[in-house]
Amino acid sequence: MHKNFLRIPLLAAGLVATGLPCSSYAARSSDYSSPTTVVIDAGHGGYDRGGIPGQRVSEKEMTLDVARRLRSVLAASGYRVVMTRDSDVFVPLGTRTGIANSYRNAIFVSVHFNSATRRGASGIETYFYSGDSLSLASAIHHYVAGGAPSENRGVRRRGYFVLRRTNMPSVLVECGFLTNPTEAGYVQNASYRQKLAEEIAAGVRNRGSVASSRGYIDQTRVAKSTKSRSKRSAKKSTRRKKKTSSKPADMEARVVSSDREG
């Protein structure tokens, strides 16, 4: 898996050609190639267990464990590491991005696990939003998906809150499906969680040596299209309803939202 990746330096022109929005990171930092601070975000926490109702394995516990292991690996490599949470507490998304944005010359890595109502859903996904985050997402995905005995679901662009509101290269990595019995079994093994941390760290260290994924899946366009259809549907539905209806006219338009965690 991922054996045909080309390990070449990322050309600056490659980012311009994507037409993707860039964060203000490049303007704030004169040393793009080697940020020294890594902000690690362990997804969910506290009353937010993560996943779906009835899910047996708690996402918040697995993300925190991997995040702590990642901290140790990166610190040993000489990086300054900051955690958005280091215990089982709930941290609002705005606070998480605020913590990240308070550091200059930094990158942001949000650790998550996936879930689905279909037990057979499996694999590794890595998300980014801004153009200057693509190389980091590609490198982390190269190592995590390449080292996991799971399906490679690719690099994806999506407007998750923590990716849109951080002013630095930022990624959100989904390290497998906890609703898949096989993958959940892997994740409950401490040595596997250690391997996930080491692969994420390898992506951080080698982010300038892995070619960017030109064939990434852009889910922002799908979301916008769905939202547009929902708005049209809501307008038609509103016209059919009586004026006394208490249902908000824009309720259907709210179905798609990126202001959430992975």
C-alpha atoms as a PDB file:
ATOM      1  CA  MET A   1       0.000   0.000   0.000  1.00  0.00           C
ATOM      2  CA  HIS A   2       1.398   3.376  -1.030  1.00  0.00           C
ATOM      3  CA  LYS A   3       4.510   1.704  -2.431  1.00  0.00           C
ATOM      4  CA  ASN A   4       4.520   3.936  -5.484  1.00  0.00           C
ATOM      5  CA  PHE A   5       4.708   7.241  -3.609  1.00  0.00           C
ATOM      6  CA  LEU A   6       7.396   9.550  -4.961  1.00  0.00           C
ATOM      7  CA  ARG A   7       9.514  11.025  -2.195  1.00  0.00           C
ATOM      8  CA  ILE A   8      10.428  14.352  -3.770  1.00  0.00           C
ATOM      9  CA  PRO A   9      10.437  17.885  -2.335  1.00  0.00           C
ATOM     10  CA  LEU A  10       7.108  19.644  -2.741  1.00  0.00           C
ATOM     11  CA  LEU A  11       7.346  22.497  -5.263  1.00  0.00           C
ATOM     12  CA  ALA A  12       5.755  25.742  -4.148  1.00  0.00           C
ATOM     13  CA  ALA A  13       4.117  26.064  -7.562  1.00  0.00           C
ATOM     14  CA  GLY A  14       2.250  22.839  -6.894  1.00  0.00           C
ATOM     15  CA  LEU A  15       0.217  24.488  -4.147  1.00  0.00           C
ATOM     16  CA  VAL A  16      -0.592  27.484  -6.285  1.00  0.00           C
ATOM     17  CA  ALA A  17      -1.822  25.207  -9.051  1.00  0.00           C
ATOM     18  CA  THR A  18      -4.352  23.518  -6.784  1.00  0.00           C
ATOM     19  CA  GLY A  19      -6.379  26.699  -6.425  1.00  0.00           C
ATOM     20  CA  LEU A  20      -6.899  25.888  -2.740  1.00  0.00           C
ATOM     21  CA  PRO A  21      -7.230  28.584  -0.096  1.00  0.00           C
ATOM     22  CA  CYS A  22      -4.154  29.049   2.051  1.00  0.00           C
ATOM     23  CA  SER A  23      -4.015  29.872   5.732  1.00  0.00           C
ATOM     24  CA  SER A  24      -2.077  32.909   6.922  1.00  0.00           C
ATOM     25  CA  TYR A  25       0.721  30.602   8.070  1.00  0.00           C
ATOM     26  CA  ALA A  26       3.068  31.280   5.145  1.00  0.00           C
ATOM     27  CA  ALA A  27       2.853  35.015   5.726  1.00  0.00           C
ATOM     28  CA  ARG A  28       3.539  34.670   9.449  1.00  0.00           C
ATOM     29  CA  SER A  29       6.471  32.278   9.250  1.00  0.00           C
ATOM     30  CA  SER A  30       9.740  32.673   7.408  1.00  0.00           C
ATOM     31  CA  ASP A  31      10.619  28.971   7.911  1.00  0.00           C
ATOM     32  CA  TYR A  32       7.829  27.019   6.213  1.00  0.00           C
ATOM     33  CA  SER A  33       9.820  23.813   5.822  1.00  0.00           C
ATOM     34  CA  SER A  34      10.478  23.034   9.487  1.00  0.00           C
ATOM     35  CA  PRO A  35       7.915  24.123  12.094  1.00  0.00           C
ATOM     36  CA  THR A  36       9.218  23.379  15.571  1.00  0.00           C
ATOM     37  CA  THR A  37       5.928  23.192  17.472  1.00  0.00           C
ATOM     38  CA  VAL A  38       3.377  20.443  16.935  1.00  0.00           C
ATOM     39  CA  VAL A  39      -0.075  21.023  18.434  1.00  0.00           C
ATOM     40  CA  ILE A  40      -1.699  17.631  19.017  1.00  0.00           C
ATOM     41  CA  ASP A  41      -5.465  17.534  19.326  1.00  0.00           C
ATOM     42  CA  ALA A  42      -6.984  14.397  20.860  1.00  0.00           C
ATOM     43  CA  GLY A  43     -10.527  14.317  19.483  1.00  0.00           C
ATOM     44  CA  HIS A  44     -13.608  14.493  21.723  1.00  0.00           C
ATOM     45  CA  GLY A  45     -13.332  14.079  25.532  1.00  0.00           C
ATOM     46  CA  GLY A  46     -15.392  14.520  28.688  1.00  0.00           C
ATOM     47  CA  TYR A  47     -19.099  14.105  27.999  1.00  0.00           C
ATOM     48  CA  ASP A  48     -18.340  13.857  24.271  1.00  0.00           C
ATOM     49  CA  ARG A  49     -17.518  10.182  23.877  1.00  0.00           C
ATOM     50  CA  GLY A  50     -17.234  10.374  20.097  1.00  0.00           C
ATOM     51  CA  GLY A  51     -18.508   7.820  17.612  1.00  0.00           C
ATOM     52  CA  ILE A  52     -22.137   6.770  17.274  1.00  0.00           C
ATOM     53  CA  PRO A  53     -24.755   5.668  19.844  1.00  0.00           C
ATOM     54  CA  GLY A  54     -24.168   2.143  21.085  1.00  0.00           C
ATOM     55  CA  GLN A  55     -20.544   2.060  19.967  1.00  0.00           C
ATOM     56  CA  ARG A  56     -18.633  -0.319  22.224  1.00  0.00           C
ATOM     57  CA  VAL A  57     -15.118   1.156  22.002  1.00  0.00           C
ATOM     58  CA  SER A  58     -14.851   4.733  23.248  1.00  0.00           C
ATOM     59  CA  GLU A  59     -13.262   7.053  20.689  1.00  0.00           C
ATOM     60  CA  LYS A  60     -12.276   9.692  23.241  1.00  0.00           C
ATOM     61  CA  GLU A  61     -10.121   7.183  25.132  1.00  0.00           C
ATOM     62  CA  MET A  62      -8.364   5.876  22.030  1.00  0.00           C
ATOM     63  CA  THR A  63      -7.610   9.356  20.648  1.00  0.00           C
ATOM     64  CA  LEU A  64      -6.109  10.510  23.940  1.00  0.00           C
ATOM     65  CA  ASP A  65      -3.921   7.418  24.199  1.00  0.00           C
ATOM     66  CA  VAL A  66      -2.565   7.815  20.656  1.00  0.00           C
ATOM     67  CA  ALA A  67      -2.076  11.568  21.194  1.00  0.00           C
ATOM     68  CA  ARG A  68      -0.011  10.970  24.340  1.00  0.00           C
ATOM     69  CA  ARG A  69       2.115   8.395  22.543  1.00  0.00           C
ATOM     70  CA  LEU A  70       2.573  10.785  19.621  1.00  0.00           C
ATOM     71  CA  ARG A  71       3.699  13.490  22.036  1.00  0.00           C
ATOM     72  CA  SER A  72       6.407  11.221  23.420  1.00  0.00           C
ATOM     73  CA  VAL A  73       7.660  10.211  19.965  1.00  0.00           C
ATOM     74  CA  LEU A  74       7.807  13.790  18.671  1.00  0.00           C
ATOM     75  CA  ALA A  75       9.381  15.152  21.856  1.00  0.00           C
ATOM     76  CA  ALA A  76      12.100  12.525  21.540  1.00  0.00           C
ATOM     77  CA  SER A  77      12.739  13.852  18.015  1.00  0.00           C
ATOM     78  CA  GLY A  78      13.266  17.360  19.334  1.00  0.00           C
ATOM     79  CA  TYR A  79       9.877  18.930  18.622  1.00  0.00           C
ATOM     80  CA  ARG A  80       8.119  21.233  21.013  1.00  0.00           C
ATOM     81  CA  VAL A  81       4.736  19.575  21.620  1.00  0.00           C
ATOM     82  CA  VAL A  82       1.494  21.133  22.852  1.00  0.00           C
ATOM     83  CA  MET A  83      -1.666  19.156  23.699  1.00  0.00           C
ATOM     84  CA  THR A  84      -5.146  20.667  23.406  1.00  0.00           C
ATOM     85  CA  ARG A  85      -6.196  18.187  26.103  1.00  0.00           C
ATOM     86  CA  ASP A  86      -4.183  15.782  28.227  1.00  0.00           C
ATOM     87  CA  SER A  87      -7.003  14.240  30.264  1.00  0.00           C
ATOM     88  CA  ASP A  88     -10.624  13.176  29.879  1.00  0.00           C
ATOM     89  CA  VAL A  89     -12.102  16.662  29.634  1.00  0.00           C
ATOM     90  CA  PHE A  90     -14.298  18.354  27.052  1.00  0.00           C
ATOM     91  CA  VAL A  91     -12.556  21.166  25.184  1.00  0.00           C
ATOM     92  CA  PRO A  92     -14.711  23.309  22.839  1.00  0.00           C
ATOM     93  CA  LEU A  93     -13.596  23.426  19.217  1.00  0.00           C
ATOM     94  CA  GLY A  94     -12.989  27.177  19.419  1.00  0.00           C
ATOM     95  CA  THR A  95     -10.685  26.670  22.386  1.00  0.00           C
ATOM     96  CA  ARG A  96      -8.749  23.981  20.532  1.00  0.00           C
ATOM     97  CA  THR A  97      -8.112  26.250  17.554  1.00  0.00           C
ATOM     98  CA  GLY A  98      -7.347  29.158  19.888  1.00  0.00           C
ATOM     99  CA  ILE A  99      -4.631  27.121  21.577  1.00  0.00           C
ATOM    100  CA  ALA A 100      -3.129  26.213  18.215  1.00  0.00           C
ATOM    101  CA  ASN A 101      -3.241  29.749  16.854  1.00  0.00           C
ATOM    102  CA  SER A 102      -1.370  31.101  19.864  1.00  0.00           C
ATOM    103  CA  TYR A 103       1.824  29.423  18.610  1.00  0.00           C
ATOM    104  CA  ARG A 104       3.947  30.675  15.739  1.00  0.00           C
ATOM    105  CA  ASN A 105       5.890  28.329  13.491  1.00  0.00           C
ATOM    106  CA  ALA A 106       3.602  25.400  14.277  1.00  0.00           C
ATOM    107  CA  ILE A 107       1.552  22.613  12.727  1.00  0.00           C
ATOM    108  CA  PHE A 108      -1.690  21.068  13.988  1.00  0.00           C
ATOM    109  CA  VAL A 109      -2.570  17.354  14.060  1.00  0.00           C
ATOM    110  CA  SER A 110      -6.019  16.222  15.197  1.00  0.00           C
ATOM    111  CA  VAL A 111      -6.293  12.519  16.054  1.00  0.00           C
ATOM    112  CA  HIS A 112      -9.608  10.723  15.518  1.00  0.00           C
ATOM    113  CA  PHE A 113     -11.175   7.350  14.824  1.00  0.00           C
ATOM    114  CA  ASN A 114     -14.062   6.750  12.473  1.00  0.00           C
ATOM    115  CA  SER A 115     -17.462   5.119  12.978  1.00  0.00           C
ATOM    116  CA  ALA A 116     -20.372   4.002  10.816  1.00  0.00           C
ATOM    117  CA  THR A 117     -23.670   2.196  11.137  1.00  0.00           C
ATOM    118  CA  ARG A 118     -22.362  -0.331   8.585  1.00  0.00           C
ATOM    119  CA  ARG A 119     -20.026  -2.681  10.467  1.00  0.00           C
ATOM    120  CA  GLY A 120     -18.066  -3.460   7.323  1.00  0.00           C
ATOM    121  CA  ALA A 121     -16.886   0.142   6.820  1.00  0.00           C
ATOM    122  CA  SER A 122     -13.115   0.266   7.283  1.00  0.00           C
ATOM    123  CA  GLY A 123      -9.940   2.113   6.466  1.00  0.00           C
ATOM    124  CA  ILE A 124      -7.754   5.164   7.033  1.00  0.00           C
ATOM    125  CA  GLU A 125      -8.672   8.712   5.973  1.00  0.00           C
ATOM    126  CA  THR A 126      -6.704  11.948   6.339  1.00  0.00           C
ATOM    127  CA  TYR A 127      -8.356  15.351   6.016  1.00  0.00           C
ATOM    128  CA  PHE A 128      -7.045  18.827   5.236  1.00  0.00           C
ATOM    129  CA  TYR A 129      -8.612  22.110   4.145  1.00  0.00           C
ATOM    130  CA  SER A 130      -6.119  24.830   3.180  1.00  0.00           C
ATOM    131  CA  GLY A 131      -3.570  24.516   0.393  1.00  0.00           C
ATOM    132  CA  ASP A 132      -0.588  24.725   2.714  1.00  0.00           C
ATOM    133  CA  SER A 133      -1.910  21.701   4.634  1.00  0.00           C
ATOM    134  CA  LEU A 134      -1.939  19.299   1.669  1.00  0.00           C
ATOM    135  CA  SER A 135       1.712  18.275   1.935  1.00  0.00           C
ATOM    136  CA  LEU A 136       1.345  17.499   5.653  1.00  0.00           C
ATOM    137  CA  ALA A 137      -1.855  15.508   5.044  1.00  0.00           C
ATOM    138  CA  SER A 138      -0.224  13.583   2.191  1.00  0.00           C
ATOM    139  CA  ALA A 139       2.820  12.679   4.255  1.00  0.00           C
ATOM    140  CA  ILE A 140       0.885  11.584   7.341  1.00  0.00           C
ATOM    141  CA  HIS A 141      -1.524   9.569   5.217  1.00  0.00           C
ATOM    142  CA  HIS A 142       1.337   7.942   3.329  1.00  0.00           C
ATOM    143  CA  TYR A 143       2.805   6.582   6.547  1.00  0.00           C
ATOM    144  CA  VAL A 144      -0.366   5.775   8.505  1.00  0.00           C
ATOM    145  CA  ALA A 145      -2.237   4.104   5.637  1.00  0.00           C
ATOM    146  CA  GLY A 146       0.947   2.442   4.406  1.00  0.00           C
ATOM    147  CA  GLY A 147       1.635   0.929   7.807  1.00  0.00           C
ATOM    148  CA  ALA A 148      -1.895  -0.172   8.707  1.00  0.00           C
ATOM    149  CA  PRO A 149      -3.529  -3.484   7.712  1.00  0.00           C
ATOM    150  CA  SER A 150      -6.613  -1.538   6.632  1.00  0.00           C
ATOM    151  CA  GLU A 151      -8.153  -0.071   3.506  1.00  0.00           C
ATOM    152  CA  ASN A 152      -6.654   3.143   2.147  1.00  0.00           C
ATOM    153  CA  ARG A 153      -9.586   5.563   1.892  1.00  0.00           C
ATOM    154  CA  GLY A 154      -7.393   8.403   0.677  1.00  0.00           C
ATOM    155  CA  VAL A 155      -6.591  12.019   1.434  1.00  0.00           C
ATOM    156  CA  ARG A 156      -9.723  14.163   1.584  1.00  0.00           C
ATOM    157  CA  ARG A 157     -10.454  17.878   1.684  1.00  0.00           C
ATOM    158  CA  ARG A 158     -13.232  18.915   4.043  1.00  0.00           C
ATOM    159  CA  GLY A 159     -14.065  22.017   6.047  1.00  0.00           C
ATOM    160  CA  TYR A 160     -13.984  20.670   9.573  1.00  0.00           C
ATOM    161  CA  PHE A 161     -13.955  23.494  12.119  1.00  0.00           C
ATOM    162  CA  VAL A 162     -10.485  22.722  13.453  1.00  0.00           C
ATOM    163  CA  LEU A 163      -9.096  22.699   9.908  1.00  0.00           C
ATOM    164  CA  ARG A 164     -10.763  25.920   8.772  1.00  0.00           C
ATOM    165  CA  ARG A 165     -10.040  27.944  11.894  1.00  0.00           C
ATOM    166  CA  THR A 166      -6.364  27.122  12.430  1.00  0.00           C
ATOM    167  CA  ASN A 167      -3.808  29.504  10.902  1.00  0.00           C
ATOM    168  CA  MET A 168      -1.177  26.872  10.123  1.00  0.00           C
ATOM    169  CA  PRO A 169      -0.794  23.572   8.253  1.00  0.00           C
ATOM    170  CA  SER A 170      -3.503  21.408   9.847  1.00  0.00           C
ATOM    171  CA  VAL A 171      -4.716  17.855   9.372  1.00  0.00           C
ATOM    172  CA  LEU A 172      -7.282  15.533  10.913  1.00  0.00           C
ATOM    173  CA  VAL A 173      -6.429  11.847  10.661  1.00  0.00           C
ATOM    174  CA  GLU A 174      -9.080   9.142  11.050  1.00  0.00           C
ATOM    175  CA  CYS A 175      -7.099   6.106  12.224  1.00  0.00           C
ATOM    176  CA  GLY A 176      -9.682   3.426  11.414  1.00  0.00           C
ATOM    177  CA  PHE A 177     -13.275   2.472  12.216  1.00  0.00           C
ATOM    178  CA  LEU A 178     -14.048   1.552  15.818  1.00  0.00           C
ATOM    179  CA  THR A 179     -17.376   0.148  14.618  1.00  0.00           C
ATOM    180  CA  ASN A 180     -15.543  -2.414  12.488  1.00  0.00           C
ATOM    181  CA  PRO A 181     -14.829  -5.467  14.705  1.00  0.00           C
ATOM    182  CA  THR A 182     -11.455  -6.152  13.074  1.00  0.00           C
ATOM    183  CA  GLU A 183     -10.174  -2.590  13.223  1.00  0.00           C
ATOM    184  CA  ALA A 184     -11.547  -2.103  16.726  1.00  0.00           C
ATOM    185  CA  GLY A 185      -9.558  -5.174  17.709  1.00  0.00           C
ATOM    186  CA  TYR A 186      -6.382  -3.651  16.316  1.00  0.00           C
ATOM    187  CA  VAL A 187      -6.926  -0.341  18.103  1.00  0.00           C
ATOM    188  CA  GLN A 188      -7.495  -1.983  21.483  1.00  0.00           C
ATOM    189  CA  ASN A 189      -3.961  -3.358  21.283  1.00  0.00           C
ATOM    190  CA  ALA A 190      -1.446  -0.978  22.867  1.00  0.00           C
ATOM    191  CA  SER A 191       1.310  -1.927  20.423  1.00  0.00           C
ATOM    192  CA  TYR A 192      -0.943  -0.990  17.502  1.00  0.00           C
ATOM    193  CA  ARG A 193      -1.724   2.392  19.047  1.00  0.00           C
ATOM    194  CA  GLN A 194       2.011   2.913  19.483  1.00  0.00           C
ATOM    195  CA  LYS A 195       2.520   2.088  15.811  1.00  0.00           C
ATOM    196  CA  LEU A 196      -0.155   4.617  14.820  1.00  0.00           C
ATOM    197  CA  ALA A 197       1.649   7.286  16.844  1.00  0.00           C
ATOM    198  CA  GLU A 198       4.980   6.416  15.252  1.00  0.00           C
ATOM    199  CA  GLU A 199       3.536   6.527  11.725  1.00  0.00           C
ATOM    200  CA  ILE A 200       1.905   9.918  12.342  1.00  0.00           C
ATOM    201  CA  ALA A 201       5.222  11.171  13.697  1.00  0.00           C
ATOM    202  CA  ALA A 202       7.019   9.855  10.600  1.00  0.00           C
ATOM    203  CA  GLY A 203       4.617  11.880   8.478  1.00  0.00           C
ATOM    204  CA  VAL A 204       5.365  15.002  10.505  1.00  0.00           C
ATOM    205  CA  ARG A 205       9.121  14.498  10.225  1.00  0.00           C
ATOM    206  CA  ASN A 206       9.035  13.733   6.483  1.00  0.00           C
ATOM    207  CA  ARG A 207       6.296  16.108   5.335  1.00  0.00           C
ATOM    208  CA  GLY A 208       8.615  17.723   2.812  1.00  0.00           C
ATOM    209  CA  SER A 209       9.727  14.429   1.269  1.00  0.00           C
ATOM    210  CA  VAL A 210       6.428  12.882   0.189  1.00  0.00           C
ATOM    211  CA  ALA A 211       4.707  14.037  -2.982  1.00  0.00           C
ATOM    212  CA  SER A 212       1.332  15.700  -2.408  1.00  0.00           C
ATOM    213  CA  SER A 213      -1.770  13.674  -3.247  1.00  0.00           C
ATOM    214  CA  ARG A 214      -3.083  15.283  -6.412  1.00  0.00           C
ATOM    215  CA  GLY A 215      -5.960  12.820  -6.516  1.00  0.00           C
ATOM    216  CA  TYR A 216      -7.430  13.806  -3.161  1.00  0.00           C
ATOM    217  CA  ILE A 217     -11.213  13.638  -2.661  1.00  0.00           C
ATOM    218  CA  ASP A 218     -12.786  17.082  -2.350  1.00  0.00           C
ATOM    219  CA  GLN A 219     -15.771  16.691  -0.024  1.00  0.00           C
ATOM    220  CA  THR A 220     -16.263  20.436   0.344  1.00  0.00           C
ATOM    221  CA  ARG A 221     -17.908  20.529  -3.087  1.00  0.00           C
ATOM    222  CA  VAL A 222     -20.230  17.668  -2.191  1.00  0.00           C
ATOM    223  CA  ALA A 223     -21.262  19.436   1.009  1.00  0.00           C
ATOM    224  CA  LYS A 224     -21.939  22.709  -0.818  1.00  0.00           C
ATOM    225  CA  SER A 225     -23.978  20.921  -3.479  1.00  0.00           C
ATOM    226  CA  THR A 226     -26.020  19.045  -0.884  1.00  0.00           C
ATOM    227  CA  LYS A 227     -26.588  22.230   1.094  1.00  0.00           C
ATOM    228  CA  SER A 228     -27.771  24.043  -2.029  1.00  0.00           C
ATOM    229  CA  ARG A 229     -30.252  21.265  -2.813  1.00  0.00           C
ATOM    230  CA  SER A 230     -31.426  21.273   0.791  1.00  0.00           C
ATOM    231  CA  LYS A 231     -32.094  25.011   0.664  1.00  0.00           C
ATOM    232  CA  ARG A 232     -34.133  24.661  -2.521  1.00  0.00           C
ATOM    233  CA  SER A 233     -36.073  21.791  -0.972  1.00  0.00           C
ATOM    234  CA  ALA A 234     -36.679  23.815   2.189  1.00  0.00           C
ATOM    235  CA  LYS A 235     -38.055  26.746   0.185  1.00  0.00           C
ATOM    236  CA  LYS A 236     -40.453  24.509  -1.745  1.00  0.00           C
ATOM    237  CA  SER A 237     -41.541  22.805   1.468  1.00  0.00           C
ATOM    238  CA  THR A 238     -42.127  26.157   3.161  1.00  0.00           C
ATOM    239  CA  ARG A 239     -44.349  27.374   0.351  1.00  0.00           C
ATOM    240  CA  ARG A 240     -46.491  24.269   0.723  1.00  0.00           C
ATOM    241  CA  LYS A 241     -46.895  24.688   4.470  1.00  0.00           C
ATOM    242  CA  LYS A 242     -49.435  26.912   6.175  1.00  0.00           C
ATOM    243  CA  LYS A 243     -48.335  30.256   7.566  1.00  0.00           C
ATOM    244  CA  THR A 244     -49.086  28.993  11.087  1.00  0.00           C
ATOM    245  CA  SER A 245     -46.391  26.329  10.873  1.00  0.00           C
ATOM    246  CA  SER A 246     -43.955  26.514  13.798  1.00  0.00           C
ATOM    247  CA  LYS A 247     -41.171  24.618  11.985  1.00  0.00           C
ATOM    248  CA  PRO A 248     -38.276  26.958  11.038  1.00  0.00           C
ATOM    249  CA  ALA A 249     -38.121  27.486   7.288  1.00  0.00           C
ATOM    250  CA  ASP A 250     -34.374  26.865   7.185  1.00  0.00           C
ATOM    251  CA  MET A 251     -34.328  23.607   9.171  1.00  0.00           C
ATOM    252  CA  GLU A 252     -33.562  21.429   6.149  1.00  0.00           C
ATOM    253  CA  ALA A 253     -30.766  23.796   5.175  1.00  0.00           C
ATOM    254  CA  ARG A 254     -28.979  22.953   8.412  1.00  0.00           C
ATOM    255  CA  VAL A 255     -28.362  19.331   7.584  1.00  0.00           C
ATOM    256  CA  VAL A 256     -24.855  19.917   6.333  1.00  0.00           C
ATOM    257  CA  SER A 257     -22.435  21.485   8.793  1.00  0.00           C
ATOM    258  CA  SER A 258     -18.668  21.472   9.118  1.00  0.00           C
ATOM    259  CA  ASP A 259     -18.647  22.980  12.589  1.00  0.00           C
ATOM    260  CA  ARG A 260     -18.114  19.624  14.236  1.00  0.00           C
ATOM    261  CA  GLU A 261     -15.379  17.157  14.955  1.00  0.00           C
ATOM    262  CA  GLY A 262     -14.426  14.255  12.786  1.00  0.00           C
END
